[in-house]
Amino acid sequence: MIGRTIVRVVGPLVPSVLIVVAAWWLALEAFGISPLVGKRPPQVLEYLGDPAHREIVLGALGITVRDAAIGFTTGMVAALAVATAFVLFRTVEQTFMPVAMLLRSVPLVVMTPIITLVFGRELLGVAVIGGIVVFFPALVNIAFGLRSASPQATDLIMAYGGSRMTVLRKVAVPTAMPSVFASARISVPSSIIGALIAEWLATGQGIGAEILRAIGGFRYDEVWADIVTITAVSVLAYAVVGVVEALVLARFSDTGRG
């Protein structure tokens, strides 16, 4: 079951990755970019084949993955909590949504210095920056999913004396699971982008900061290796969420049939 699910989810990603790699190589050749600046796939693999170089890249990657995980968790938990409040209390949505949309319209690059001043350059600041990137798209998707609950099932539970919380737990949450996982899949690459922005403008650590330092030192091998590595991790994380989604939704379907 798990093996088939992994093949079904990961299988379509393989040709997509091959197409991206081919497009990367062909674009550099087509535009005549010097190999000193535009590194080809064999050059990146050669760079990563050196243990010393690999240690540098993986050390920065560990920090970025940690920062992305913090932002992802913060944003998703906040989105779930606020979406639940929207469904249970209409006045909360009427009060909070205009503020949320106003904040969403401000570019994160502009907000980051202010966030850094308020929350600092440590993990709390990283959580806020990464959480903002994840929060808004996830909030809209999850709130829509929670409101997609069957009116007939809702009326049935209310007729038997169930509370709004019971409707939420028994009907709305299971109905919203596809929306929750869709938000998670969208949020995985977004959380990595948020981590890179935080590292670039706030913490000075991780791949976001290493890329800037490598560019300043004309270490283009390291720049391309960092980019390829963080892209590969983003694709892998997306695939992992897809596998978990398929397994959980299949479990919900089996429970429903039972």
C-alpha atoms as a PDB file:
ATOM      1  CA  MET A   1       0.000   0.000   0.000  1.00  0.00           C
ATOM      2  CA  ILE A   2       2.665   2.494   1.044  1.00  0.00           C
ATOM      3  CA  GLY A   3       4.971   1.449  -1.787  1.00  0.00           C
ATOM      4  CA  ARG A   4       2.247   1.917  -4.393  1.00  0.00           C
ATOM      5  CA  THR A   5       1.349   5.291  -2.902  1.00  0.00           C
ATOM      6  CA  ILE A   6       4.969   6.469  -3.055  1.00  0.00           C
ATOM      7  CA  VAL A   7       5.278   5.378  -6.687  1.00  0.00           C
ATOM      8  CA  ARG A   8       1.987   7.060  -7.594  1.00  0.00           C
ATOM      9  CA  VAL A   9       2.945  10.369  -5.960  1.00  0.00           C
ATOM     10  CA  VAL A  10       6.658  10.494  -6.753  1.00  0.00           C
ATOM     11  CA  GLY A  11       6.457   8.985 -10.245  1.00  0.00           C
ATOM     12  CA  PRO A  12       5.110  12.117 -11.989  1.00  0.00           C
ATOM     13  CA  LEU A  13       7.798  14.246 -10.313  1.00  0.00           C
ATOM     14  CA  VAL A  14      10.673  12.347 -11.947  1.00  0.00           C
ATOM     15  CA  PRO A  15      10.047  13.522 -15.543  1.00  0.00           C
ATOM     16  CA  SER A  16       9.363  17.027 -14.242  1.00  0.00           C
ATOM     17  CA  VAL A  17      12.771  17.115 -12.536  1.00  0.00           C
ATOM     18  CA  LEU A  18      14.473  15.815 -15.670  1.00  0.00           C
ATOM     19  CA  ILE A  19      12.767  18.496 -17.765  1.00  0.00           C
ATOM     20  CA  VAL A  20      13.888  21.235 -15.359  1.00  0.00           C
ATOM     21  CA  VAL A  21      17.491  19.988 -15.385  1.00  0.00           C
ATOM     22  CA  ALA A  22      17.487  19.802 -19.191  1.00  0.00           C
ATOM     23  CA  ALA A  23      15.986  23.300 -19.432  1.00  0.00           C
ATOM     24  CA  TRP A  24      18.621  24.648 -17.024  1.00  0.00           C
ATOM     25  CA  TRP A  25      21.455  23.168 -19.093  1.00  0.00           C
ATOM     26  CA  LEU A  26      20.001  24.172 -22.457  1.00  0.00           C
ATOM     27  CA  ALA A  27      19.251  27.736 -21.322  1.00  0.00           C
ATOM     28  CA  LEU A  28      22.839  28.292 -20.220  1.00  0.00           C
ATOM     29  CA  GLU A  29      24.119  26.957 -23.528  1.00  0.00           C
ATOM     30  CA  ALA A  30      21.551  28.829 -25.631  1.00  0.00           C
ATOM     31  CA  PHE A  31      22.370  32.194 -24.055  1.00  0.00           C
ATOM     32  CA  GLY A  32      26.100  31.551 -24.098  1.00  0.00           C
ATOM     33  CA  ILE A  33      26.553  31.938 -20.340  1.00  0.00           C
ATOM     34  CA  SER A  34      30.176  31.367 -19.371  1.00  0.00           C
ATOM     35  CA  PRO A  35      30.812  28.181 -17.354  1.00  0.00           C
ATOM     36  CA  LEU A  36      32.679  30.387 -14.886  1.00  0.00           C
ATOM     37  CA  VAL A  37      29.357  31.982 -13.911  1.00  0.00           C
ATOM     38  CA  GLY A  38      26.583  29.654 -15.085  1.00  0.00           C
ATOM     39  CA  LYS A  39      27.411  26.218 -13.729  1.00  0.00           C
ATOM     40  CA  ARG A  40      26.157  23.163 -15.620  1.00  0.00           C
ATOM     41  CA  PRO A  41      24.797  20.054 -13.860  1.00  0.00           C
ATOM     42  CA  PRO A  42      28.098  18.109 -14.148  1.00  0.00           C
ATOM     43  CA  GLN A  43      29.981  21.009 -12.538  1.00  0.00           C
ATOM     44  CA  VAL A  44      27.526  21.135  -9.634  1.00  0.00           C
ATOM     45  CA  LEU A  45      27.784  17.373  -9.129  1.00  0.00           C
ATOM     46  CA  GLU A  46      31.562  17.608  -9.189  1.00  0.00           C
ATOM     47  CA  TYR A  47      31.483  20.370  -6.571  1.00  0.00           C
ATOM     48  CA  LEU A  48      29.150  18.389  -4.301  1.00  0.00           C
ATOM     49  CA  GLY A  49      31.321  15.311  -4.749  1.00  0.00           C
ATOM     50  CA  ASP A  50      34.046  16.956  -2.663  1.00  0.00           C
ATOM     51  CA  PRO A  51      33.444  16.110   1.040  1.00  0.00           C
ATOM     52  CA  ALA A  52      34.659  19.544   2.178  1.00  0.00           C
ATOM     53  CA  HIS A  53      32.299  21.357  -0.173  1.00  0.00           C
ATOM     54  CA  ARG A  54      29.442  19.024   0.707  1.00  0.00           C
ATOM     55  CA  GLU A  55      29.966  19.711   4.404  1.00  0.00           C
ATOM     56  CA  ILE A  56      29.650  23.461   3.805  1.00  0.00           C
ATOM     57  CA  VAL A  57      26.441  23.095   1.802  1.00  0.00           C
ATOM     58  CA  LEU A  58      24.828  20.557   4.129  1.00  0.00           C
ATOM     59  CA  GLY A  59      25.724  22.597   7.206  1.00  0.00           C
ATOM     60  CA  ALA A  60      23.897  25.627   5.812  1.00  0.00           C
ATOM     61  CA  LEU A  61      21.071  23.387   4.573  1.00  0.00           C
ATOM     62  CA  GLY A  62      20.448  22.054   8.083  1.00  0.00           C
ATOM     63  CA  ILE A  63      19.868  25.588   9.373  1.00  0.00           C
ATOM     64  CA  THR A  64      17.547  26.443   6.480  1.00  0.00           C
ATOM     65  CA  VAL A  65      15.523  23.245   6.915  1.00  0.00           C
ATOM     66  CA  ARG A  66      15.146  24.029  10.620  1.00  0.00           C
ATOM     67  CA  ASP A  67      14.029  27.593   9.861  1.00  0.00           C
ATOM     68  CA  ALA A  68      11.598  26.385   7.179  1.00  0.00           C
ATOM     69  CA  ALA A  69      10.127  23.767   9.533  1.00  0.00           C
ATOM     70  CA  ILE A  70       9.571  26.412  12.201  1.00  0.00           C
ATOM     71  CA  GLY A  71       7.865  28.746   9.731  1.00  0.00           C
ATOM     72  CA  PHE A  72       5.772  25.941   8.240  1.00  0.00           C
ATOM     73  CA  THR A  73       4.566  24.704  11.626  1.00  0.00           C
ATOM     74  CA  THR A  74       3.855  28.201  12.914  1.00  0.00           C
ATOM     75  CA  GLY A  75       1.936  29.240   9.811  1.00  0.00           C
ATOM     76  CA  MET A  76      -0.115  26.057   9.506  1.00  0.00           C
ATOM     77  CA  VAL A  77      -1.068  25.933  13.190  1.00  0.00           C
ATOM     78  CA  ALA A  78      -2.064  29.610  13.140  1.00  0.00           C
ATOM     79  CA  ALA A  79      -4.055  29.127   9.924  1.00  0.00           C
ATOM     80  CA  LEU A  80      -5.912  26.121  11.373  1.00  0.00           C
ATOM     81  CA  ALA A  81      -6.736  28.007  14.576  1.00  0.00           C
ATOM     82  CA  VAL A  82      -7.920  31.169  12.821  1.00  0.00           C
ATOM     83  CA  ALA A  83      -9.903  29.261  10.174  1.00  0.00           C
ATOM     84  CA  THR A  84     -11.644  27.332  12.940  1.00  0.00           C
ATOM     85  CA  ALA A  85     -12.489  30.606  14.705  1.00  0.00           C
ATOM     86  CA  PHE A  86     -13.861  31.976  11.410  1.00  0.00           C
ATOM     87  CA  VAL A  87     -16.216  29.019  11.060  1.00  0.00           C
ATOM     88  CA  LEU A  88     -17.367  29.022  14.675  1.00  0.00           C
ATOM     89  CA  PHE A  89     -17.662  32.788  15.128  1.00  0.00           C
ATOM     90  CA  ARG A  90     -18.705  34.873  12.145  1.00  0.00           C
ATOM     91  CA  THR A  91     -17.819  38.140  13.862  1.00  0.00           C
ATOM     92  CA  VAL A  92     -14.190  37.018  14.156  1.00  0.00           C
ATOM     93  CA  GLU A  93     -13.945  36.713  10.379  1.00  0.00           C
ATOM     94  CA  GLN A  94     -15.644  40.067   9.803  1.00  0.00           C
ATOM     95  CA  THR A  95     -13.167  41.704  12.179  1.00  0.00           C
ATOM     96  CA  PHE A  96      -9.964  39.890  11.301  1.00  0.00           C
ATOM     97  CA  MET A  97     -10.172  39.256   7.540  1.00  0.00           C
ATOM     98  CA  PRO A  98      -9.820  42.912   6.415  1.00  0.00           C
ATOM     99  CA  VAL A  99      -6.748  43.262   8.636  1.00  0.00           C
ATOM    100  CA  ALA A 100      -5.321  40.011   7.254  1.00  0.00           C
ATOM    101  CA  MET A 101      -5.831  41.111   3.658  1.00  0.00           C
ATOM    102  CA  LEU A 102      -4.232  44.479   4.408  1.00  0.00           C
ATOM    103  CA  LEU A 103      -1.167  42.821   5.907  1.00  0.00           C
ATOM    104  CA  ARG A 104      -1.030  40.352   3.005  1.00  0.00           C
ATOM    105  CA  SER A 105      -0.779  43.220   0.521  1.00  0.00           C
ATOM    106  CA  VAL A 106       2.475  44.448   2.100  1.00  0.00           C
ATOM    107  CA  PRO A 107       5.559  42.727   0.561  1.00  0.00           C
ATOM    108  CA  LEU A 108       7.361  40.522   3.052  1.00  0.00           C
ATOM    109  CA  VAL A 109      10.708  42.060   2.124  1.00  0.00           C
ATOM    110  CA  VAL A 110       9.361  45.408   3.362  1.00  0.00           C
ATOM    111  CA  MET A 111       7.968  43.916   6.581  1.00  0.00           C
ATOM    112  CA  THR A 112      11.054  41.860   7.450  1.00  0.00           C
ATOM    113  CA  PRO A 113      13.152  44.722   8.914  1.00  0.00           C
ATOM    114  CA  ILE A 114      10.215  45.727  11.136  1.00  0.00           C
ATOM    115  CA  ILE A 115       9.636  42.127  12.211  1.00  0.00           C
ATOM    116  CA  THR A 116      13.330  41.822  13.001  1.00  0.00           C
ATOM    117  CA  LEU A 117      13.238  44.951  15.156  1.00  0.00           C
ATOM    118  CA  VAL A 118      10.187  43.721  17.092  1.00  0.00           C
ATOM    119  CA  PHE A 119      10.932  39.987  17.418  1.00  0.00           C
ATOM    120  CA  GLY A 120      14.703  39.890  17.044  1.00  0.00           C
ATOM    121  CA  ARG A 121      17.004  37.866  14.823  1.00  0.00           C
ATOM    122  CA  GLU A 122      16.637  34.546  16.621  1.00  0.00           C
ATOM    123  CA  LEU A 123      14.125  31.724  16.162  1.00  0.00           C
ATOM    124  CA  LEU A 124      11.135  33.852  17.180  1.00  0.00           C
ATOM    125  CA  GLY A 125      11.786  36.272  14.329  1.00  0.00           C
ATOM    126  CA  VAL A 126      12.287  33.358  11.928  1.00  0.00           C
ATOM    127  CA  ALA A 127       8.984  31.830  13.070  1.00  0.00           C
ATOM    128  CA  VAL A 128       7.117  35.077  12.435  1.00  0.00           C
ATOM    129  CA  ILE A 129       8.651  35.672   9.002  1.00  0.00           C
ATOM    130  CA  GLY A 130       8.175  32.081   7.844  1.00  0.00           C
ATOM    131  CA  GLY A 131       4.743  31.863   9.418  1.00  0.00           C
ATOM    132  CA  ILE A 132       3.498  34.920   7.535  1.00  0.00           C
ATOM    133  CA  VAL A 133       4.453  33.366   4.191  1.00  0.00           C
ATOM    134  CA  VAL A 134       2.544  30.187   5.037  1.00  0.00           C
ATOM    135  CA  PHE A 135      -0.360  31.654   6.987  1.00  0.00           C
ATOM    136  CA  PHE A 136      -2.405  33.632   4.464  1.00  0.00           C
ATOM    137  CA  PRO A 137      -2.759  31.105   1.603  1.00  0.00           C
ATOM    138  CA  ALA A 138      -3.366  28.306   4.120  1.00  0.00           C
ATOM    139  CA  LEU A 139      -6.013  30.351   5.936  1.00  0.00           C
ATOM    140  CA  VAL A 140      -8.080  30.906   2.793  1.00  0.00           C
ATOM    141  CA  ASN A 141      -7.888  27.255   1.693  1.00  0.00           C
ATOM    142  CA  ILE A 142      -8.628  25.756   5.104  1.00  0.00           C
ATOM    143  CA  ALA A 143     -11.526  28.128   5.824  1.00  0.00           C
ATOM    144  CA  PHE A 144     -13.043  27.215   2.454  1.00  0.00           C
ATOM    145  CA  GLY A 145     -12.620  23.518   3.213  1.00  0.00           C
ATOM    146  CA  LEU A 146     -14.254  23.807   6.632  1.00  0.00           C
ATOM    147  CA  ARG A 147     -17.240  25.578   5.083  1.00  0.00           C
ATOM    148  CA  SER A 148     -17.645  22.838   2.469  1.00  0.00           C
ATOM    149  CA  ALA A 149     -19.217  20.473   4.990  1.00  0.00           C
ATOM    150  CA  SER A 150     -22.427  18.784   3.871  1.00  0.00           C
ATOM    151  CA  PRO A 151     -25.481  20.819   4.973  1.00  0.00           C
ATOM    152  CA  GLN A 152     -27.472  17.584   5.353  1.00  0.00           C
ATOM    153  CA  ALA A 153     -24.898  16.068   7.728  1.00  0.00           C
ATOM    154  CA  THR A 154     -24.704  19.342   9.643  1.00  0.00           C
ATOM    155  CA  ASP A 155     -28.486  19.517  10.033  1.00  0.00           C
ATOM    156  CA  LEU A 156     -28.605  15.883  11.154  1.00  0.00           C
ATOM    157  CA  ILE A 157     -26.093  16.430  13.946  1.00  0.00           C
ATOM    158  CA  MET A 158     -27.824  19.625  15.067  1.00  0.00           C
ATOM    159  CA  ALA A 159     -31.195  17.843  15.060  1.00  0.00           C
ATOM    160  CA  TYR A 160     -29.823  15.240  17.471  1.00  0.00           C
ATOM    161  CA  GLY A 161     -28.639  17.943  19.845  1.00  0.00           C
ATOM    162  CA  GLY A 162     -25.053  18.240  18.651  1.00  0.00           C
ATOM    163  CA  SER A 163     -23.164  21.483  19.163  1.00  0.00           C
ATOM    164  CA  ARG A 164     -21.329  23.545  16.552  1.00  0.00           C
ATOM    165  CA  MET A 165     -18.106  22.077  17.910  1.00  0.00           C
ATOM    166  CA  THR A 166     -19.485  18.582  17.276  1.00  0.00           C
ATOM    167  CA  VAL A 167     -20.340  19.552  13.704  1.00  0.00           C
ATOM    168  CA  LEU A 168     -16.836  20.899  13.292  1.00  0.00           C
ATOM    169  CA  ARG A 169     -15.225  17.734  14.644  1.00  0.00           C
ATOM    170  CA  LYS A 170     -17.485  15.155  12.987  1.00  0.00           C
ATOM    171  CA  VAL A 171     -18.212  16.779   9.641  1.00  0.00           C
ATOM    172  CA  ALA A 172     -16.236  19.930   8.854  1.00  0.00           C
ATOM    173  CA  VAL A 173     -12.741  18.691   9.729  1.00  0.00           C
ATOM    174  CA  PRO A 174     -12.964  15.427   7.715  1.00  0.00           C
ATOM    175  CA  THR A 175     -14.416  17.376   4.788  1.00  0.00           C
ATOM    176  CA  ALA A 176     -11.600  19.922   4.985  1.00  0.00           C
ATOM    177  CA  MET A 177      -8.762  17.388   4.956  1.00  0.00           C
ATOM    178  CA  PRO A 178      -8.080  17.744   1.185  1.00  0.00           C
ATOM    179  CA  SER A 179      -7.916  21.521   1.633  1.00  0.00           C
ATOM    180  CA  VAL A 180      -5.591  21.164   4.616  1.00  0.00           C
ATOM    181  CA  PHE A 181      -3.192  18.986   2.660  1.00  0.00           C
ATOM    182  CA  ALA A 182      -3.435  21.215  -0.406  1.00  0.00           C
ATOM    183  CA  SER A 183      -2.423  24.098   1.855  1.00  0.00           C
ATOM    184  CA  ALA A 184       0.437  22.017   3.240  1.00  0.00           C
ATOM    185  CA  ARG A 185       1.734  21.223  -0.251  1.00  0.00           C
ATOM    186  CA  ILE A 186       1.613  24.891  -1.207  1.00  0.00           C
ATOM    187  CA  SER A 187       3.193  25.918   2.072  1.00  0.00           C
ATOM    188  CA  VAL A 188       6.234  23.619   1.898  1.00  0.00           C
ATOM    189  CA  PRO A 189       8.061  25.607  -0.823  1.00  0.00           C
ATOM    190  CA  SER A 190       6.661  28.848   0.614  1.00  0.00           C
ATOM    191  CA  SER A 191       8.154  28.075   4.025  1.00  0.00           C
ATOM    192  CA  ILE A 192      11.550  27.524   2.410  1.00  0.00           C
ATOM    193  CA  ILE A 193      11.263  30.879   0.646  1.00  0.00           C
ATOM    194  CA  GLY A 194      10.350  32.481   3.972  1.00  0.00           C
ATOM    195  CA  ALA A 195      13.376  30.859   5.625  1.00  0.00           C
ATOM    196  CA  LEU A 196      15.685  32.131   2.877  1.00  0.00           C
ATOM    197  CA  ILE A 197      14.296  35.661   3.252  1.00  0.00           C
ATOM    198  CA  ALA A 198      14.759  35.516   7.025  1.00  0.00           C
ATOM    199  CA  GLU A 199      18.330  34.308   6.618  1.00  0.00           C
ATOM    200  CA  TRP A 200      19.061  36.911   3.980  1.00  0.00           C
ATOM    201  CA  LEU A 201      17.656  39.909   5.840  1.00  0.00           C
ATOM    202  CA  ALA A 202      17.685  38.896   9.504  1.00  0.00           C
ATOM    203  CA  THR A 203      19.710  35.977  10.847  1.00  0.00           C
ATOM    204  CA  GLY A 204      22.742  35.905   8.533  1.00  0.00           C
ATOM    205  CA  GLN A 205      22.792  32.100   8.722  1.00  0.00           C
ATOM    206  CA  GLY A 206      21.732  29.220   6.500  1.00  0.00           C
ATOM    207  CA  ILE A 207      21.675  28.927   2.737  1.00  0.00           C
ATOM    208  CA  GLY A 208      20.012  32.325   2.269  1.00  0.00           C
ATOM    209  CA  ALA A 209      23.030  34.056   3.815  1.00  0.00           C
ATOM    210  CA  GLU A 210      25.588  31.658   2.318  1.00  0.00           C
ATOM    211  CA  ILE A 211      24.399  32.408  -1.219  1.00  0.00           C
ATOM    212  CA  LEU A 212      24.955  36.134  -0.670  1.00  0.00           C
ATOM    213  CA  ARG A 213      28.404  35.557   0.776  1.00  0.00           C
ATOM    214  CA  ALA A 214      29.317  33.177  -2.044  1.00  0.00           C
ATOM    215  CA  ILE A 215      28.209  35.702  -4.674  1.00  0.00           C
ATOM    216  CA  GLY A 216      30.279  38.400  -2.997  1.00  0.00           C
ATOM    217  CA  GLY A 217      33.292  36.070  -3.049  1.00  0.00           C
ATOM    218  CA  PHE A 218      32.721  35.007  -6.674  1.00  0.00           C
ATOM    219  CA  ARG A 219      32.245  31.392  -5.515  1.00  0.00           C
ATOM    220  CA  TYR A 220      29.705  30.514  -8.172  1.00  0.00           C
ATOM    221  CA  ASP A 221      30.199  26.763  -7.715  1.00  0.00           C
ATOM    222  CA  GLU A 222      28.899  27.158  -4.177  1.00  0.00           C
ATOM    223  CA  VAL A 223      26.037  29.405  -5.298  1.00  0.00           C
ATOM    224  CA  TRP A 224      24.740  26.867  -7.791  1.00  0.00           C
ATOM    225  CA  ALA A 225      25.271  23.967  -5.395  1.00  0.00           C
ATOM    226  CA  ASP A 226      23.238  25.799  -2.723  1.00  0.00           C
ATOM    227  CA  ILE A 227      20.441  26.546  -5.190  1.00  0.00           C
ATOM    228  CA  VAL A 228      20.291  22.996  -6.524  1.00  0.00           C
ATOM    229  CA  THR A 229      20.375  21.498  -3.033  1.00  0.00           C
ATOM    230  CA  ILE A 230      17.600  23.662  -1.590  1.00  0.00           C
ATOM    231  CA  THR A 231      15.493  23.068  -4.709  1.00  0.00           C
ATOM    232  CA  ALA A 232      15.942  19.302  -4.352  1.00  0.00           C
ATOM    233  CA  VAL A 233      14.939  19.480  -0.682  1.00  0.00           C
ATOM    234  CA  SER A 234      11.852  21.510  -1.608  1.00  0.00           C
ATOM    235  CA  VAL A 235      10.793  18.905  -4.186  1.00  0.00           C
ATOM    236  CA  LEU A 236      11.448  16.093  -1.706  1.00  0.00           C
ATOM    237  CA  ALA A 237       9.405  17.789   1.022  1.00  0.00           C
ATOM    238  CA  TYR A 238       6.566  18.375  -1.442  1.00  0.00           C
ATOM    239  CA  ALA A 239       6.630  14.683  -2.349  1.00  0.00           C
ATOM    240  CA  VAL A 240       6.618  13.628   1.324  1.00  0.00           C
ATOM    241  CA  VAL A 241       3.542  15.768   2.012  1.00  0.00           C
ATOM    242  CA  GLY A 242       1.886  14.269  -1.070  1.00  0.00           C
ATOM    243  CA  VAL A 243       2.545  10.721   0.177  1.00  0.00           C
ATOM    244  CA  VAL A 244       1.208  11.537   3.650  1.00  0.00           C
ATOM    245  CA  GLU A 245      -1.856  13.157   2.062  1.00  0.00           C
ATOM    246  CA  ALA A 246      -2.588  10.095  -0.057  1.00  0.00           C
ATOM    247  CA  LEU A 247      -2.242   7.743   2.921  1.00  0.00           C
ATOM    248  CA  VAL A 248      -4.389   9.865   5.260  1.00  0.00           C
ATOM    249  CA  LEU A 249      -7.145  10.466   2.718  1.00  0.00           C
ATOM    250  CA  ALA A 250      -7.181   6.774   1.836  1.00  0.00           C
ATOM    251  CA  ARG A 251      -7.551   6.011   5.549  1.00  0.00           C
ATOM    252  CA  PHE A 252     -10.456   8.450   5.814  1.00  0.00           C
ATOM    253  CA  SER A 253     -12.115   6.824   2.795  1.00  0.00           C
ATOM    254  CA  ASP A 254     -11.694   3.362   4.283  1.00  0.00           C
ATOM    255  CA  THR A 255     -13.159   4.549   7.576  1.00  0.00           C
ATOM    256  CA  GLY A 256     -16.083   6.124   5.757  1.00  0.00           C
ATOM    257  CA  ARG A 257     -16.812   2.905   3.872  1.00  0.00           C
ATOM    258  CA  GLY A 258     -16.527   0.932   7.096  1.00  0.00           C
END
